Amino acid sequence: MTPPANGVRLLGHKRRFAESIAQIDTELEYASGPAVAARRDEVVAAARAAYGPSEDFRGVRDAWDAVFPDGVYSAAGLARAKRLA
């Protein structure tokens, strides 16, 4: 696999997933679930722009979808995602 043209280092699905869960958890400490959930599309679009259709992109997307299924915060989803991370 060749690195993306923008020089971003690819880490893989598992590491990006864990990184994203940690970032989501930190954001939830400072903002409500609905406020953080509203950022999903922005964050996933930025990941796609940075990583292209890679495992890294899918790790970010899957983390957000695990914590915010159907766009709504899920404490159970966060707990499950933390165990997987």
PDB file of N, CA and C in Angstrom:
ATOM      1  N   MET A   1       0.845  -1.171   0.000  1.00  0.00           N
ATOM      2  CA  MET A   1       0.000   0.000   0.000  1.00  0.00           C
ATOM      3  C   MET A   1       0.897   1.242   0.000  1.00  0.00           C
ATOM      4  N   THR A   2       0.589   2.192  -0.828  1.00  0.00           N
ATOM      5  CA  THR A   2       1.363   3.432  -0.859  1.00  0.00           C
ATOM      6  C   THR A   2       0.724   4.460   0.053  1.00  0.00           C
ATOM      7  N   PRO A   3       1.528   5.299   0.674  1.00  0.00           N
ATOM      8  CA  PRO A   3       0.961   6.328   1.559  1.00  0.00           C
ATOM      9  C   PRO A   3       0.182   7.360   0.760  1.00  0.00           C
ATOM     10  N   PRO A   4      -0.774   8.009   1.398  1.00  0.00           N
ATOM     11  CA  PRO A   4      -1.534   9.041   0.697  1.00  0.00           C
ATOM     12  C   PRO A   4      -0.619  10.187   0.255  1.00  0.00           C
ATOM     13  N   ALA A   5      -1.043  10.866  -0.779  1.00  0.00           N
ATOM     14  CA  ALA A   5      -0.250  11.953  -1.351  1.00  0.00           C
ATOM     15  C   ALA A   5       0.018  13.075  -0.349  1.00  0.00           C
ATOM     16  N   ASN A   6      -0.885  13.287   0.593  1.00  0.00           N
ATOM     17  CA  ASN A   6      -0.713  14.398   1.531  1.00  0.00           C
ATOM     18  C   ASN A   6       0.259  14.069   2.659  1.00  0.00           C
ATOM     19  N   GLY A   7       0.844  12.875   2.651  1.00  0.00           N
ATOM     20  CA  GLY A   7       1.854  12.526   3.643  1.00  0.00           C
ATOM     21  C   GLY A   7       1.321  12.095   4.995  1.00  0.00           C
ATOM     22  N   VAL A   8       0.021  11.885   5.130  1.00  0.00           N
ATOM     23  CA  VAL A   8      -0.547  11.433   6.388  1.00  0.00           C
ATOM     24  C   VAL A   8      -0.154   9.973   6.598  1.00  0.00           C
ATOM     25  N   ARG A   9       0.318   9.658   7.777  1.00  0.00           N
ATOM     26  CA  ARG A   9       0.735   8.285   8.082  1.00  0.00           C
ATOM     27  C   ARG A   9      -0.486   7.439   8.414  1.00  0.00           C
ATOM     28  N   LEU A  10      -0.628   6.312   7.723  1.00  0.00           N
ATOM     29  CA  LEU A  10      -1.753   5.420   7.970  1.00  0.00           C
ATOM     30  C   LEU A  10      -1.432   4.479   9.125  1.00  0.00           C
ATOM     31  N   LEU A  11      -2.386   4.317  10.027  1.00  0.00           N
ATOM     32  CA  LEU A  11      -2.200   3.494  11.217  1.00  0.00           C
ATOM     33  C   LEU A  11      -3.028   2.218  11.196  1.00  0.00           C
ATOM     34  N   GLY A  12      -4.081   2.194  10.406  1.00  0.00           N
ATOM     35  CA  GLY A  12      -4.963   1.037  10.357  1.00  0.00           C
ATOM     36  C   GLY A  12      -6.234   1.254  11.153  1.00  0.00           C
ATOM     37  N   HIS A  13      -7.192   0.371  10.887  1.00  0.00           N
ATOM     38  CA  HIS A  13      -8.531   0.502  11.470  1.00  0.00           C
ATOM     39  C   HIS A  13      -8.503   0.481  12.994  1.00  0.00           C
ATOM     40  N   LYS A  14      -7.849  -0.515  13.571  1.00  0.00           N
ATOM     41  CA  LYS A  14      -7.881  -0.677  15.032  1.00  0.00           C
ATOM     42  C   LYS A  14      -7.286   0.533  15.753  1.00  0.00           C
ATOM     43  N   ARG A  15      -6.148   1.016  15.295  1.00  0.00           N
ATOM     44  CA  ARG A  15      -5.509   2.159  15.975  1.00  0.00           C
ATOM     45  C   ARG A  15      -6.297   3.443  15.762  1.00  0.00           C
ATOM     46  N   ARG A  16      -6.818   3.667  14.543  1.00  0.00           N
ATOM     47  CA  ARG A  16      -7.631   4.874  14.324  1.00  0.00           C
ATOM     48  C   ARG A  16      -8.919   4.801  15.109  1.00  0.00           C
ATOM     49  N   PHE A  17      -9.516   3.610  15.198  1.00  0.00           N
ATOM     50  CA  PHE A  17     -10.737   3.428  15.976  1.00  0.00           C
ATOM     51  C   PHE A  17     -10.470   3.807  17.427  1.00  0.00           C
ATOM     52  N   ALA A  18      -9.413   3.259  18.017  1.00  0.00           N
ATOM     53  CA  ALA A  18      -9.068   3.548  19.412  1.00  0.00           C
ATOM     54  C   ALA A  18      -8.777   5.033  19.614  1.00  0.00           C
ATOM     55  N   GLU A  19      -8.040   5.616  18.678  1.00  0.00           N
ATOM     56  CA  GLU A  19      -7.720   7.047  18.751  1.00  0.00           C
ATOM     57  C   GLU A  19      -9.007   7.878  18.708  1.00  0.00           C
ATOM     58  N   SER A  20      -9.913   7.519  17.834  1.00  0.00           N
ATOM     59  CA  SER A  20     -11.166   8.262  17.690  1.00  0.00           C
ATOM     60  C   SER A  20     -12.050   8.118  18.918  1.00  0.00           C
ATOM     61  N   ILE A  21     -12.106   6.913  19.488  1.00  0.00           N
ATOM     62  CA  ILE A  21     -12.905   6.716  20.703  1.00  0.00           C
ATOM     63  C   ILE A  21     -12.359   7.587  21.829  1.00  0.00           C
ATOM     64  N   ALA A  22     -11.048   7.658  21.975  1.00  0.00           N
ATOM     65  CA  ALA A  22     -10.448   8.508  23.007  1.00  0.00           C
ATOM     66  C   ALA A  22     -10.796   9.975  22.779  1.00  0.00           C
ATOM     67  N   GLN A  23     -10.764  10.419  21.536  1.00  0.00           N
ATOM     68  CA  GLN A  23     -11.100  11.809  21.228  1.00  0.00           C
ATOM     69  C   GLN A  23     -12.573  12.096  21.490  1.00  0.00           C
ATOM     70  N   ILE A  24     -13.441  11.169  21.111  1.00  0.00           N
ATOM     71  CA  ILE A  24     -14.878  11.340  21.366  1.00  0.00           C
ATOM     72  C   ILE A  24     -15.121  11.406  22.867  1.00  0.00           C
ATOM     73  N   ASP A  25     -14.498  10.512  23.615  1.00  0.00           N
ATOM     74  CA  ASP A  25     -14.661  10.482  25.072  1.00  0.00           C
ATOM     75  C   ASP A  25     -14.233  11.812  25.684  1.00  0.00           C
ATOM     76  N   THR A  26     -13.132  12.365  25.223  1.00  0.00           N
ATOM     77  CA  THR A  26     -12.661  13.662  25.718  1.00  0.00           C
ATOM     78  C   THR A  26     -13.662  14.759  25.380  1.00  0.00           C
ATOM     79  N   GLU A  27     -14.176  14.752  24.152  1.00  0.00           N
ATOM     80  CA  GLU A  27     -15.161  15.773  23.771  1.00  0.00           C
ATOM     81  C   GLU A  27     -16.413  15.679  24.627  1.00  0.00           C
ATOM     82  N   LEU A  28     -16.820  14.453  24.966  1.00  0.00           N
ATOM     83  CA  LEU A  28     -18.024  14.269  25.780  1.00  0.00           C
ATOM     84  C   LEU A  28     -17.847  14.789  27.199  1.00  0.00           C
ATOM     85  N   GLU A  29     -16.600  14.926  27.661  1.00  0.00           N
ATOM     86  CA  GLU A  29     -16.346  15.499  28.986  1.00  0.00           C
ATOM     87  C   GLU A  29     -16.689  16.988  29.018  1.00  0.00           C
ATOM     88  N   TYR A  30     -16.620  17.637  27.856  1.00  0.00           N
ATOM     89  CA  TYR A  30     -16.805  19.094  27.786  1.00  0.00           C
ATOM     90  C   TYR A  30     -18.086  19.522  27.105  1.00  0.00           C
ATOM     91  N   ALA A  31     -18.759  18.627  26.421  1.00  0.00           N
ATOM     92  CA  ALA A  31     -19.979  18.985  25.697  1.00  0.00           C
ATOM     93  C   ALA A  31     -20.982  17.847  25.813  1.00  0.00           C
ATOM     94  N   SER A  32     -22.234  18.156  25.567  1.00  0.00           N
ATOM     95  CA  SER A  32     -23.291  17.148  25.652  1.00  0.00           C
ATOM     96  C   SER A  32     -23.227  16.191  24.464  1.00  0.00           C
ATOM     97  N   GLY A  33     -23.847  15.035  24.625  1.00  0.00           N
ATOM     98  CA  GLY A  33     -23.909  14.049  23.554  1.00  0.00           C
ATOM     99  C   GLY A  33     -24.448  14.612  22.253  1.00  0.00           C
ATOM    100  N   PRO A  34     -25.575  15.346  22.285  1.00  0.00           N
ATOM    101  CA  PRO A  34     -26.098  15.903  21.033  1.00  0.00           C
ATOM    102  C   PRO A  34     -25.143  16.909  20.381  1.00  0.00           C
ATOM    103  N   ALA A  35     -24.441  17.697  21.185  1.00  0.00           N
ATOM    104  CA  ALA A  35     -23.496  18.674  20.623  1.00  0.00           C
ATOM    105  C   ALA A  35     -22.337  17.972  19.940  1.00  0.00           C
ATOM    106  N   VAL A  36     -21.848  16.894  20.546  1.00  0.00           N
ATOM    107  CA  VAL A  36     -20.737  16.155  19.956  1.00  0.00           C
ATOM    108  C   VAL A  36     -21.226  15.374  18.732  1.00  0.00           C
ATOM    109  N   ALA A  37     -22.404  14.784  18.828  1.00  0.00           N
ATOM    110  CA  ALA A  37     -22.966  14.018  17.709  1.00  0.00           C
ATOM    111  C   ALA A  37     -23.093  14.882  16.459  1.00  0.00           C
ATOM    112  N   ALA A  38     -23.364  16.162  16.635  1.00  0.00           N
ATOM    113  CA  ALA A  38     -23.520  17.074  15.500  1.00  0.00           C
ATOM    114  C   ALA A  38     -22.233  17.218  14.699  1.00  0.00           C
ATOM    115  N   ARG A  39     -21.102  16.868  15.287  1.00  0.00           N
ATOM    116  CA  ARG A  39     -19.809  16.983  14.602  1.00  0.00           C
ATOM    117  C   ARG A  39     -19.475  15.769  13.751  1.00  0.00           C
ATOM    118  N   ARG A  40     -20.278  14.701  13.833  1.00  0.00           N
ATOM    119  CA  ARG A  40     -19.965  13.444  13.162  1.00  0.00           C
ATOM    120  C   ARG A  40     -19.660  13.630  11.680  1.00  0.00           C
ATOM    121  N   ASP A  41     -20.555  14.261  10.958  1.00  0.00           N
ATOM    122  CA  ASP A  41     -20.358  14.406   9.507  1.00  0.00           C
ATOM    123  C   ASP A  41     -19.093  15.192   9.183  1.00  0.00           C
ATOM    124  N   GLU A  42     -18.835  16.238   9.959  1.00  0.00           N
ATOM    125  CA  GLU A  42     -17.637  17.058   9.762  1.00  0.00           C
ATOM    126  C   GLU A  42     -16.363  16.232   9.987  1.00  0.00           C
ATOM    127  N   VAL A  43     -16.330  15.468  11.068  1.00  0.00           N
ATOM    128  CA  VAL A  43     -15.151  14.676  11.408  1.00  0.00           C
ATOM    129  C   VAL A  43     -14.941  13.555  10.393  1.00  0.00           C
ATOM    130  N   VAL A  44     -16.007  12.880  10.013  1.00  0.00           N
ATOM    131  CA  VAL A  44     -15.892  11.774   9.059  1.00  0.00           C
ATOM    132  C   VAL A  44     -15.460  12.305   7.688  1.00  0.00           C
ATOM    133  N   ALA A  45     -15.986  13.449   7.283  1.00  0.00           N
ATOM    134  CA  ALA A  45     -15.570  14.047   6.006  1.00  0.00           C
ATOM    135  C   ALA A  45     -14.088  14.429   6.046  1.00  0.00           C
ATOM    136  N   ALA A  46     -13.634  14.972   7.166  1.00  0.00           N
ATOM    137  CA  ALA A  46     -12.221  15.332   7.299  1.00  0.00           C
ATOM    138  C   ALA A  46     -11.343  14.087   7.250  1.00  0.00           C
ATOM    139  N   ALA A  47     -11.792  13.004   7.872  1.00  0.00           N
ATOM    140  CA  ALA A  47     -11.027  11.755   7.838  1.00  0.00           C
ATOM    141  C   ALA A  47     -10.957  11.215   6.413  1.00  0.00           C
ATOM    142  N   ARG A  48     -12.050  11.289   5.682  1.00  0.00           N
ATOM    143  CA  ARG A  48     -12.049  10.803   4.300  1.00  0.00           C
ATOM    144  C   ARG A  48     -11.104  11.644   3.443  1.00  0.00           C
ATOM    145  N   ALA A  49     -11.102  12.951   3.682  1.00  0.00           N
ATOM    146  CA  ALA A  49     -10.199  13.833   2.930  1.00  0.00           C
ATOM    147  C   ALA A  49      -8.737  13.535   3.275  1.00  0.00           C
ATOM    148  N   ALA A  50      -8.469  13.239   4.532  1.00  0.00           N
ATOM    149  CA  ALA A  50      -7.091  12.995   4.964  1.00  0.00           C
ATOM    150  C   ALA A  50      -6.595  11.605   4.590  1.00  0.00           C
ATOM    151  N   TYR A  51      -7.456  10.592   4.740  1.00  0.00           N
ATOM    152  CA  TYR A  51      -7.017   9.210   4.592  1.00  0.00           C
ATOM    153  C   TYR A  51      -7.516   8.510   3.336  1.00  0.00           C
ATOM    154  N   GLY A  52      -8.421   9.154   2.602  1.00  0.00           N
ATOM    155  CA  GLY A  52      -8.998   8.490   1.438  1.00  0.00           C
ATOM    156  C   GLY A  52      -9.811   7.283   1.886  1.00  0.00           C
ATOM    157  N   PRO A  53     -10.128   6.379   0.970  1.00  0.00           N
ATOM    158  CA  PRO A  53     -10.948   5.214   1.322  1.00  0.00           C
ATOM    159  C   PRO A  53     -10.109   4.108   1.961  1.00  0.00           C
ATOM    160  N   SER A  54      -9.421   4.439   3.036  1.00  0.00           N
ATOM    161  CA  SER A  54      -8.490   3.511   3.690  1.00  0.00           C
ATOM    162  C   SER A  54      -9.100   2.913   4.955  1.00  0.00           C
ATOM    163  N   GLU A  55      -8.365   1.986   5.554  1.00  0.00           N
ATOM    164  CA  GLU A  55      -8.771   1.423   6.843  1.00  0.00           C
ATOM    165  C   GLU A  55      -8.785   2.511   7.924  1.00  0.00           C
ATOM    166  N   ASP A  56      -7.916   3.480   7.806  1.00  0.00           N
ATOM    167  CA  ASP A  56      -7.898   4.587   8.778  1.00  0.00           C
ATOM    168  C   ASP A  56      -9.213   5.354   8.732  1.00  0.00           C
ATOM    169  N   PHE A  57      -9.674   5.670   7.532  1.00  0.00           N
ATOM    170  CA  PHE A  57     -10.954   6.366   7.392  1.00  0.00           C
ATOM    171  C   PHE A  57     -12.070   5.532   8.009  1.00  0.00           C
ATOM    172  N   ARG A  58     -12.083   4.242   7.703  1.00  0.00           N
ATOM    173  CA  ARG A  58     -13.133   3.373   8.227  1.00  0.00           C
ATOM    174  C   ARG A  58     -13.066   3.273   9.752  1.00  0.00           C
ATOM    175  N   GLY A  59     -11.875   3.346  10.328  1.00  0.00           N
ATOM    176  CA  GLY A  59     -11.739   3.330  11.782  1.00  0.00           C
ATOM    177  C   GLY A  59     -12.379   4.536  12.432  1.00  0.00           C
ATOM    178  N   VAL A  60     -12.162   5.707  11.835  1.00  0.00           N
ATOM    179  CA  VAL A  60     -12.772   6.937  12.349  1.00  0.00           C
ATOM    180  C   VAL A  60     -14.289   6.865  12.200  1.00  0.00           C
ATOM    181  N   ARG A  61     -14.744   6.516  11.014  1.00  0.00           N
ATOM    182  CA  ARG A  61     -16.188   6.437  10.753  1.00  0.00           C
ATOM    183  C   ARG A  61     -16.857   5.428  11.679  1.00  0.00           C
ATOM    184  N   ASP A  62     -16.249   4.260  11.832  1.00  0.00           N
ATOM    185  CA  ASP A  62     -16.845   3.217  12.668  1.00  0.00           C
ATOM    186  C   ASP A  62     -16.898   3.622  14.138  1.00  0.00           C
ATOM    187  N   ALA A  63     -15.912   4.362  14.593  1.00  0.00           N
ATOM    188  CA  ALA A  63     -15.921   4.840  15.984  1.00  0.00           C
ATOM    189  C   ALA A  63     -17.090   5.787  16.213  1.00  0.00           C
ATOM    190  N   TRP A  64     -17.265   6.738  15.315  1.00  0.00           N
ATOM    191  CA  TRP A  64     -18.371   7.680  15.468  1.00  0.00           C
ATOM    192  C   TRP A  64     -19.712   6.970  15.371  1.00  0.00           C
ATOM    193  N   ASP A  65     -19.819   6.009  14.464  1.00  0.00           N
ATOM    194  CA  ASP A  65     -21.078   5.282  14.322  1.00  0.00           C
ATOM    195  C   ASP A  65     -21.357   4.388  15.519  1.00  0.00           C
ATOM    196  N   ALA A  66     -20.323   3.901  16.194  1.00  0.00           N
ATOM    197  CA  ALA A  66     -20.509   3.067  17.375  1.00  0.00           C
ATOM    198  C   ALA A  66     -21.049   3.885  18.550  1.00  0.00           C
ATOM    199  N   VAL A  67     -20.552   5.105  18.697  1.00  0.00           N
ATOM    200  CA  VAL A  67     -20.955   5.945  19.829  1.00  0.00           C
ATOM    201  C   VAL A  67     -22.247   6.712  19.531  1.00  0.00           C
ATOM    202  N   PHE A  68     -22.477   7.014  18.262  1.00  0.00           N
ATOM    203  CA  PHE A  68     -23.654   7.786  17.867  1.00  0.00           C
ATOM    204  C   PHE A  68     -24.458   7.056  16.789  1.00  0.00           C
ATOM    205  N   PRO A  69     -24.995   5.862  17.130  1.00  0.00           N
ATOM    206  CA  PRO A  69     -25.791   5.158  16.121  1.00  0.00           C
ATOM    207  C   PRO A  69     -27.018   5.994  15.770  1.00  0.00           C
ATOM    208  N   ASP A  70     -27.294   6.088  14.497  1.00  0.00           N
ATOM    209  CA  ASP A  70     -28.422   6.893  14.007  1.00  0.00           C
ATOM    210  C   ASP A  70     -28.323   8.352  14.446  1.00  0.00           C
ATOM    211  N   GLY A  71     -27.093   8.822  14.720  1.00  0.00           N
ATOM    212  CA  GLY A  71     -26.886  10.225  15.063  1.00  0.00           C
ATOM    213  C   GLY A  71     -27.244  10.599  16.489  1.00  0.00           C
ATOM    214  N   VAL A  72     -27.522   9.612  17.332  1.00  0.00           N
ATOM    215  CA  VAL A  72     -27.917   9.861  18.716  1.00  0.00           C
ATOM    216  C   VAL A  72     -26.890   9.224  19.639  1.00  0.00           C
ATOM    217  N   TYR A  73     -26.463   9.969  20.672  1.00  0.00           N
ATOM    218  CA  TYR A  73     -25.460   9.468  21.611  1.00  0.00           C
ATOM    219  C   TYR A  73     -25.948   8.197  22.303  1.00  0.00           C
ATOM    220  N   SER A  74     -25.056   7.221  22.413  1.00  0.00           N
ATOM    221  CA  SER A  74     -25.355   5.969  23.089  1.00  0.00           C
ATOM    222  C   SER A  74     -24.259   5.676  24.112  1.00  0.00           C
ATOM    223  N   ALA A  75     -24.602   5.771  25.403  1.00  0.00           N
ATOM    224  CA  ALA A  75     -23.634   5.465  26.454  1.00  0.00           C
ATOM    225  C   ALA A  75     -23.206   4.005  26.356  1.00  0.00           C
ATOM    226  N   ALA A  76     -24.143   3.120  26.021  1.00  0.00           N
ATOM    227  CA  ALA A  76     -23.808   1.700  25.855  1.00  0.00           C
ATOM    228  C   ALA A  76     -22.864   1.522  24.670  1.00  0.00           C
ATOM    229  N   GLY A  77     -23.092   2.283  23.606  1.00  0.00           N
ATOM    230  CA  GLY A  77     -22.209   2.219  22.437  1.00  0.00           C
ATOM    231  C   GLY A  77     -20.808   2.678  22.775  1.00  0.00           C
ATOM    232  N   LEU A  78     -20.691   3.736  23.574  1.00  0.00           N
ATOM    233  CA  LEU A  78     -19.379   4.219  24.000  1.00  0.00           C
ATOM    234  C   LEU A  78     -18.670   3.176  24.850  1.00  0.00           C
ATOM    235  N   ALA A  79     -19.395   2.571  25.788  1.00  0.00           N
ATOM    236  CA  ALA A  79     -18.799   1.549  26.655  1.00  0.00           C
ATOM    237  C   ALA A  79     -18.319   0.359  25.825  1.00  0.00           C
ATOM    238  N   ARG A  80     -19.121  -0.085  24.876  1.00  0.00           N
ATOM    239  CA  ARG A  80     -18.740  -1.193  24.002  1.00  0.00           C
ATOM    240  C   ARG A  80     -17.519  -0.834  23.175  1.00  0.00           C
ATOM    241  N   ALA A  81     -17.526   0.379  22.623  1.00  0.00           N
ATOM    242  CA  ALA A  81     -16.418   0.841  21.786  1.00  0.00           C
ATOM    243  C   ALA A  81     -15.123   0.946  22.596  1.00  0.00           C
ATOM    244  N   LYS A  82     -15.213   1.385  23.845  1.00  0.00           N
ATOM    245  CA  LYS A  82     -14.025   1.463  24.700  1.00  0.00           C
ATOM    246  C   LYS A  82     -13.449   0.080  24.945  1.00  0.00           C
ATOM    247  N   ARG A  83     -14.301  -0.908  25.119  1.00  0.00           N
ATOM    248  CA  ARG A  83     -13.811  -2.281  25.312  1.00  0.00           C
ATOM    249  C   ARG A  83     -13.114  -2.786  24.043  1.00  0.00           C
ATOM    250  N   LEU A  84     -13.644  -2.433  22.888  1.00  0.00           N
ATOM    251  CA  LEU A  84     -13.045  -2.858  21.627  1.00  0.00           C
ATOM    252  C   LEU A  84     -11.743  -2.130  21.337  1.00  0.00           C
ATOM    253  N   ALA A  85     -11.657  -0.888  21.796  1.00  0.00           N
ATOM    254  CA  ALA A  85     -10.468  -0.075  21.545  1.00  0.00           C
ATOM    255  C   ALA A  85      -9.349  -0.575  22.416  1.00  0.00           C
TER     256      ALA A  85
END
